[in-house]
Amino acid sequence: MARIAKKPKSDNLYQALLLLKTEEEAYRFFQDLCTVTELRAMEQRFDVALLLKDGMIYTDILERTGASSATISRVNRSLSFGAGGYQTVFQRMEEEKDEQL
């Protein structure tokens, strides 16, 4: 797992994220915070990560998401050598799914 480069100036943003309680609040916050292009890029990277986690190959991911091979590669590197953020979210998504069953 990569070392996290924490910046005190960034703490406010990450603490603000922790205050969001619903999906609706998250939508509203990110719509205020980001441009449409930034949001679409983040959504696309997360979709790519989900598909890579499920074992889909690059060409199929490219076709399905429209992501460039560079984006797919970058996400794949983050999954393999990143800070573990994707894995944390994926694990919690699975736990939530199991609780709902």
Protein backbone atom coordinates (compact mmCIF):
# COMPACT_ATOMS: atom_id res chain seq x y z
CA MET A 1 0.00 0.00 0.00
CA ALA A 2 1.35 3.42 -0.95
CA ARG A 3 2.09 6.04 1.65
CA ILE A 4 -0.57 8.73 1.90
CA ALA A 5 0.69 12.24 1.18
CA LYS A 6 -1.45 14.16 3.66
CA LYS A 7 -1.67 17.92 3.33
CA PRO A 8 -3.10 19.97 6.19
CA LYS A 9 -4.87 22.28 3.71
CA SER A 10 -6.73 19.25 2.33
CA ASP A 11 -7.99 18.10 5.73
CA ASN A 12 -11.04 20.36 5.56
CA LEU A 13 -12.22 18.76 2.33
CA TYR A 14 -11.86 15.21 3.60
CA GLN A 15 -13.48 16.07 6.91
CA ALA A 16 -16.37 17.68 5.01
CA LEU A 17 -16.86 14.44 3.04
CA LEU A 18 -17.23 12.55 6.30
CA LEU A 19 -20.10 14.85 7.29
CA LEU A 20 -22.26 13.83 4.33
CA LYS A 21 -25.00 11.48 5.46
CA THR A 22 -27.00 10.60 2.37
CA GLU A 23 -26.47 9.96 -1.32
CA GLU A 24 -28.51 13.10 -2.03
CA GLU A 25 -26.15 15.18 0.14
CA ALA A 26 -23.17 13.70 -1.69
CA TYR A 27 -24.68 14.53 -5.09
CA ARG A 28 -25.35 18.10 -4.03
CA PHE A 29 -21.90 18.59 -2.50
CA PHE A 30 -20.03 17.21 -5.50
CA GLN A 31 -22.19 19.21 -7.94
CA ASP A 32 -21.26 22.37 -6.05
CA LEU A 33 -17.59 21.39 -5.69
CA CYS A 34 -16.76 20.02 -9.15
CA THR A 35 -17.32 20.90 -12.76
CA VAL A 36 -19.39 18.50 -14.85
CA THR A 37 -16.18 17.36 -16.57
CA GLU A 38 -14.46 16.64 -13.25
CA LEU A 39 -17.45 14.68 -12.01
CA ARG A 40 -17.68 12.62 -15.19
CA ALA A 41 -13.94 11.84 -15.00
CA MET A 42 -14.24 10.63 -11.40
CA GLU A 43 -17.36 8.61 -12.19
CA GLN A 44 -15.61 7.04 -15.18
CA ARG A 45 -12.52 6.10 -13.13
CA PHE A 46 -14.70 4.50 -10.47
CA ASP A 47 -16.63 2.54 -13.12
CA VAL A 48 -13.31 1.37 -14.56
CA ALA A 49 -12.15 0.29 -11.11
CA LEU A 50 -15.31 -1.74 -10.56
CA LEU A 51 -14.94 -3.45 -13.92
CA LEU A 52 -11.24 -4.22 -13.34
CA LYS A 53 -12.11 -5.64 -9.93
CA ASP A 54 -14.63 -7.90 -11.63
CA GLY A 55 -11.93 -9.14 -14.03
CA MET A 56 -13.03 -7.40 -17.21
CA ILE A 57 -10.29 -6.90 -19.82
CA TYR A 58 -9.06 -3.51 -21.04
CA THR A 59 -10.66 -3.62 -24.49
CA ASP A 60 -14.08 -4.45 -23.04
CA ILE A 61 -13.72 -1.70 -20.42
CA LEU A 62 -12.72 0.79 -23.11
CA GLU A 63 -15.74 -0.14 -25.18
CA ARG A 64 -18.13 -0.08 -22.23
CA THR A 65 -16.94 3.12 -20.53
CA GLY A 66 -15.20 5.12 -23.25
CA ALA A 67 -12.19 5.47 -20.95
CA SER A 68 -8.81 5.76 -22.61
CA SER A 69 -6.26 2.99 -22.22
CA ALA A 70 -4.17 5.46 -20.19
CA THR A 71 -7.04 5.97 -17.74
CA ILE A 72 -7.63 2.24 -17.47
CA SER A 73 -3.91 1.70 -16.84
CA ARG A 74 -3.80 4.42 -14.21
CA VAL A 75 -6.78 2.97 -12.36
CA ASN A 76 -5.27 -0.51 -12.58
CA ARG A 77 -2.02 0.81 -11.04
CA SER A 78 -4.02 2.41 -8.25
CA LEU A 79 -5.81 -0.87 -7.60
CA SER A 80 -2.51 -2.75 -7.46
CA PHE A 81 -0.13 -0.25 -5.90
CA GLY A 82 -2.27 2.61 -4.59
CA ALA A 83 -3.18 3.72 -1.09
CA GLY A 84 -5.94 1.09 -0.70
CA GLY A 85 -8.84 3.48 -1.05
CA TYR A 86 -10.58 1.49 -3.74
CA GLN A 87 -10.25 -1.71 -1.70
CA THR A 88 -11.73 -0.02 1.37
CA VAL A 89 -14.75 1.16 -0.60
CA PHE A 90 -15.20 -2.17 -2.39
CA GLN A 91 -15.10 -4.05 0.90
CA ARG A 92 -17.67 -1.75 2.47
CA MET A 93 -19.90 -2.00 -0.60
CA GLU A 94 -19.80 -5.81 -0.27
CA GLU A 95 -20.54 -5.60 3.47
CA GLU A 96 -23.51 -3.31 2.79
CA LYS A 97 -24.76 -5.64 0.07
CA ASP A 98 -24.50 -8.63 2.44
CA GLU A 99 -26.39 -6.75 5.16
CA GLN A 100 -29.23 -6.00 2.73
CA LEU A 101 -29.64 -9.69 1.86
